[in-house]
């Protein structure tokens, strides 16, 4: 199922104002574990020709991203994800993997899958075999998330977006990062078929503009400087 995903670059003041509005009317994501939100660290993969990066840069209508994701620097939960985007709609296939499976993929090896297109491991393995999928960049940031049941709305505030080329150290705590010089804050609004009008009104600032923001692209560019 494809969901709408709209992204907005924000200033510190805009982010603080909008988060205060959401705090007053929406409930926080039950998985975030504390009032300050949680840290997301993702290891992004690409092929020999960097086709994922090129598709994003060129604005290709349908494109995919491959990543492994952990939370709060812990390996207790490791998510394998394949995210497909069509215009501003997204579909994500995800499953939990073990540390050993994560290390296999980081070495460019395949892991067990169920041979279903719904299993991200199947998609990862196919890309490993046919395209030489390999780790390219680590992307980290802090997230505060709010949810609203009708429309399956999820509103997230991401801060301190940063990048590291130390892909072999993913999952460790001694990674050094380069912070984005610009665009290190982003608001993301995701929903199924509709978003209630009152939320659209709360999200209005009069100056915030929608953007084709890509953490992966910006962080690849950051570590290449």
Protein backbone atom coordinates (compact mmCIF):
# COMPACT_ATOMS: atom_id res chain seq x y z
CA UNK A 1 0.00 0.00 0.00
CA UNK A 2 1.33 3.41 -0.96
CA UNK A 3 1.15 6.27 1.55
CA UNK A 4 1.46 9.98 0.94
CA UNK A 5 4.76 11.44 2.18
CA UNK A 6 5.20 15.21 2.23
CA UNK A 7 8.44 16.81 3.45
CA UNK A 8 9.20 20.36 4.54
CA UNK A 9 12.47 22.07 5.41
CA UNK A 10 12.12 24.02 8.64
CA UNK A 11 13.95 26.58 10.70
CA UNK A 12 14.56 25.93 14.40
CA UNK A 13 11.74 28.34 15.26
CA UNK A 14 9.27 26.70 12.88
CA UNK A 15 10.12 23.23 14.13
CA UNK A 16 9.69 24.26 17.77
CA UNK A 17 6.38 26.01 17.07
CA UNK A 18 4.91 23.12 15.08
CA UNK A 19 6.06 20.53 17.58
CA UNK A 20 4.37 22.46 20.39
CA UNK A 21 1.13 22.46 18.38
CA UNK A 22 1.32 18.71 17.77
CA UNK A 23 2.16 18.04 21.42
CA UNK A 24 -1.10 19.71 22.44
CA UNK A 25 -3.42 17.60 20.27
CA UNK A 26 -1.68 14.37 19.19
CA UNK A 27 -0.20 11.43 21.06
CA UNK A 28 3.50 10.60 20.74
CA UNK A 29 4.62 7.46 18.97
CA UNK A 30 4.45 4.64 21.54
CA UNK A 31 7.83 3.31 20.38
CA UNK A 32 9.87 6.42 21.06
CA UNK A 33 10.75 5.57 24.65
CA UNK A 34 11.04 9.08 26.15
CA UNK A 35 9.95 12.73 25.98
CA UNK A 36 12.94 13.71 23.83
CA UNK A 37 12.12 11.20 21.12
CA UNK A 38 14.67 8.73 19.81
CA UNK A 39 17.76 8.43 17.63
CA UNK A 40 17.60 6.72 14.25
CA UNK A 41 20.75 5.41 12.59
CA UNK A 42 20.49 3.94 9.09
CA UNK A 43 23.02 2.22 6.86
CA UNK A 44 22.10 2.92 3.22
CA UNK A 45 23.11 0.63 0.37
CA UNK A 46 23.55 1.31 -3.33
CA UNK A 47 24.87 -0.59 -6.34
CA UNK A 48 28.10 -0.30 -8.33
CA UNK A 49 26.71 2.52 -10.46
CA UNK A 50 24.96 4.35 -7.58
CA UNK A 51 21.64 4.02 -9.35
CA UNK A 52 19.63 4.78 -6.17
CA UNK A 53 21.52 8.05 -5.78
CA UNK A 54 21.23 8.94 -9.46
CA UNK A 55 17.49 8.16 -9.51
CA UNK A 56 16.99 10.46 -6.52
CA UNK A 57 19.12 13.26 -7.97
CA UNK A 58 17.37 12.99 -11.34
CA UNK A 59 13.91 12.86 -9.78
CA UNK A 60 13.02 9.50 -11.35
CA UNK A 61 9.32 8.88 -10.81
CA UNK A 62 9.66 5.39 -9.32
CA UNK A 63 12.75 4.60 -7.27
CA UNK A 64 13.87 2.47 -4.34
CA UNK A 65 16.18 2.75 -1.34
CA UNK A 66 17.77 -0.10 0.61
CA UNK A 67 18.74 0.32 4.25
CA UNK A 68 19.35 -1.28 7.64
CA UNK A 69 18.06 0.72 10.61
CA UNK A 70 18.68 0.70 14.37
CA UNK A 71 17.36 2.84 17.20
CA UNK A 72 19.16 4.63 20.05
CA UNK A 73 22.48 2.99 19.08
CA UNK A 74 21.14 -0.41 20.12
CA UNK A 75 21.34 -3.66 18.18
CA UNK A 76 18.42 -5.15 20.10
CA UNK A 77 16.13 -4.36 17.16
CA UNK A 78 17.60 -4.29 13.65
CA UNK A 79 15.27 -3.48 10.76
CA UNK A 80 15.87 -4.37 7.13
CA UNK A 81 13.88 -2.04 4.87
CA UNK A 82 13.23 -1.45 1.20
CA UNK A 83 11.43 1.82 0.53
CA UNK A 84 9.82 2.45 -2.85
CA UNK A 85 8.71 5.92 -3.86
CA UNK A 86 6.37 6.97 -6.65
CA UNK A 87 5.97 10.76 -6.84
CA UNK A 88 5.12 11.72 -3.24
CA UNK A 89 3.74 8.28 -2.34
CA UNK A 90 5.78 5.65 -0.56
CA UNK A 91 5.60 1.95 0.16
CA UNK A 92 7.89 0.28 2.66
CA UNK A 93 8.71 -3.40 3.15
CA UNK A 94 10.39 -4.14 6.48
CA UNK A 95 11.41 -7.03 8.70
CA UNK A 96 13.60 -7.65 11.73
CA UNK A 97 16.97 -9.31 11.16
CA UNK A 98 19.71 -10.63 13.43
CA UNK A 99 23.13 -9.09 13.98
CA UNK A 100 24.69 -11.99 12.04
CA UNK A 101 22.37 -11.33 9.09
CA UNK A 102 23.20 -7.64 9.22
CA UNK A 103 26.91 -8.44 9.08
CA UNK A 104 26.37 -10.74 6.09
CA UNK A 105 24.65 -7.99 4.12
CA UNK A 106 27.35 -5.51 5.08
CA UNK A 107 29.91 -7.90 3.56
CA UNK A 108 27.92 -8.14 0.36
CA UNK A 109 26.54 -11.59 1.13
CA UNK A 110 22.95 -12.80 0.89
CA UNK A 111 20.77 -13.92 3.81
CA UNK A 112 17.86 -16.32 4.09
CA UNK A 113 14.64 -15.07 2.51
CA UNK A 114 11.18 -16.43 1.78
CA UNK A 115 11.38 -15.84 -2.00
CA UNK A 116 8.52 -13.37 -1.78
CA UNK A 117 8.57 -9.85 -3.19
CA UNK A 118 7.00 -8.75 0.09
CA UNK A 119 10.12 -9.83 1.98
CA UNK A 120 12.78 -7.08 1.91
CA UNK A 121 15.45 -9.77 2.28
CA UNK A 122 14.38 -11.16 -1.11
CA UNK A 123 14.74 -7.72 -2.68
CA UNK A 124 18.09 -7.14 -0.95
CA UNK A 125 19.43 -10.52 -2.08
CA UNK A 126 18.37 -9.90 -5.66
CA UNK A 127 20.13 -6.53 -5.68
CA UNK A 128 23.24 -8.04 -4.08
CA UNK A 129 23.45 -10.76 -6.74
CA UNK A 130 22.56 -8.72 -9.82
CA UNK A 131 23.68 -5.17 -8.99
CA UNK A 132 26.46 -5.54 -6.43
CA UNK A 133 24.53 -3.83 -3.64
CA UNK A 134 26.93 -2.55 -0.96
CA UNK A 135 26.89 -0.17 2.06
CA UNK A 136 27.48 3.47 1.07
CA UNK A 137 26.74 5.88 3.94
CA UNK A 138 25.45 6.06 7.51
CA UNK A 139 22.67 8.57 8.20
CA UNK A 140 21.74 9.53 11.76
CA UNK A 141 19.32 12.00 13.35
CA UNK A 142 17.00 12.57 16.31
CA UNK A 143 13.27 12.13 15.76
CA UNK A 144 10.14 13.14 17.63
CA UNK A 145 7.02 11.49 16.22
CA UNK A 146 3.27 11.99 16.65
CA UNK A 147 0.40 9.86 15.36
CA UNK A 148 -3.32 10.29 14.69
CA UNK A 149 -5.57 7.30 14.01
CA UNK A 150 -7.98 8.57 11.33
CA UNK A 151 -6.05 8.59 8.06
CA UNK A 152 -3.19 6.73 9.77
CA UNK A 153 -1.35 10.05 10.09
CA UNK A 154 2.26 10.16 11.28
CA UNK A 155 4.05 13.49 11.74
CA UNK A 156 7.76 13.45 12.49
CA UNK A 157 10.28 16.15 13.40
CA UNK A 158 13.87 15.23 12.52
CA UNK A 159 16.86 17.20 13.83
CA UNK A 160 20.64 17.09 13.58
CA UNK A 161 20.79 15.09 10.35
CA UNK A 162 24.37 13.90 9.95
CA UNK A 163 26.41 11.54 7.79
CA UNK A 164 29.36 9.18 8.14
CA UNK A 165 31.39 7.24 5.60
CA UNK A 166 32.45 4.74 8.31
CA UNK A 167 30.06 2.12 6.96
CA UNK A 168 32.12 -0.81 8.29
CA UNK A 169 31.52 0.51 11.85
CA UNK A 170 27.71 0.58 11.62
CA UNK A 171 26.24 -0.52 14.95
CA UNK A 172 29.23 0.68 16.94
CA UNK A 173 29.33 3.81 19.12
CA UNK A 174 32.64 5.35 18.05
CA UNK A 175 31.47 6.65 14.68
CA UNK A 176 32.42 10.19 13.66
CA UNK A 177 29.86 12.23 11.76
CA UNK A 178 29.70 15.28 9.53
CA UNK A 179 26.64 17.42 10.18
CA UNK A 180 24.81 18.80 7.19
CA UNK A 181 25.69 22.44 6.64
CA UNK A 182 22.12 23.16 5.62
CA UNK A 183 18.85 21.28 5.71
CA UNK A 184 19.66 19.43 8.93
CA UNK A 185 16.03 19.68 10.06
CA UNK A 186 12.96 18.34 8.30
CA UNK A 187 9.26 17.85 8.97
CA UNK A 188 7.65 14.77 7.42
CA UNK A 189 3.90 14.23 7.13
CA UNK A 190 2.70 10.74 6.17
CA UNK A 191 -0.85 9.47 5.78
CA UNK A 192 -2.97 7.00 3.83
CA UNK A 193 -5.91 8.42 1.89
CA UNK A 194 -6.56 11.66 3.77
CA UNK A 195 -5.33 13.99 6.49
CA UNK A 196 -7.88 15.82 8.69
CA UNK A 197 -8.34 19.52 7.97
CA UNK A 198 -7.54 20.54 11.54
CA UNK A 199 -4.06 19.03 11.19
CA UNK A 200 -3.45 20.86 7.94
CA UNK A 201 -4.38 24.09 9.72
CA UNK A 202 -2.01 23.32 12.61
CA UNK A 203 0.80 22.66 10.15
CA UNK A 204 0.36 25.99 8.40
CA UNK A 205 3.10 28.54 9.06
CA UNK A 206 2.66 30.80 6.04
CA UNK A 207 6.25 30.40 4.88
CA UNK A 208 7.13 26.70 4.94
CA UNK A 209 7.46 25.03 1.55
CA UNK A 210 7.25 21.43 0.50
CA UNK A 211 10.52 19.91 -0.71
CA UNK A 212 11.84 16.78 -2.40
CA UNK A 213 14.15 16.30 0.60
CA UNK A 214 16.29 13.15 0.61
CA UNK A 215 18.45 12.38 3.64
CA UNK A 216 20.29 9.75 1.61
CA UNK A 217 21.21 12.13 -1.21
CA UNK A 218 22.23 14.97 1.10
CA UNK A 219 24.36 12.69 3.28
CA UNK A 220 26.08 11.06 0.28
CA UNK A 221 26.93 14.55 -0.95
CA UNK A 222 28.09 15.57 2.51
CA UNK A 223 30.65 12.77 2.92
CA UNK A 224 31.87 13.29 -0.64
CA UNK A 225 32.90 16.91 0.06
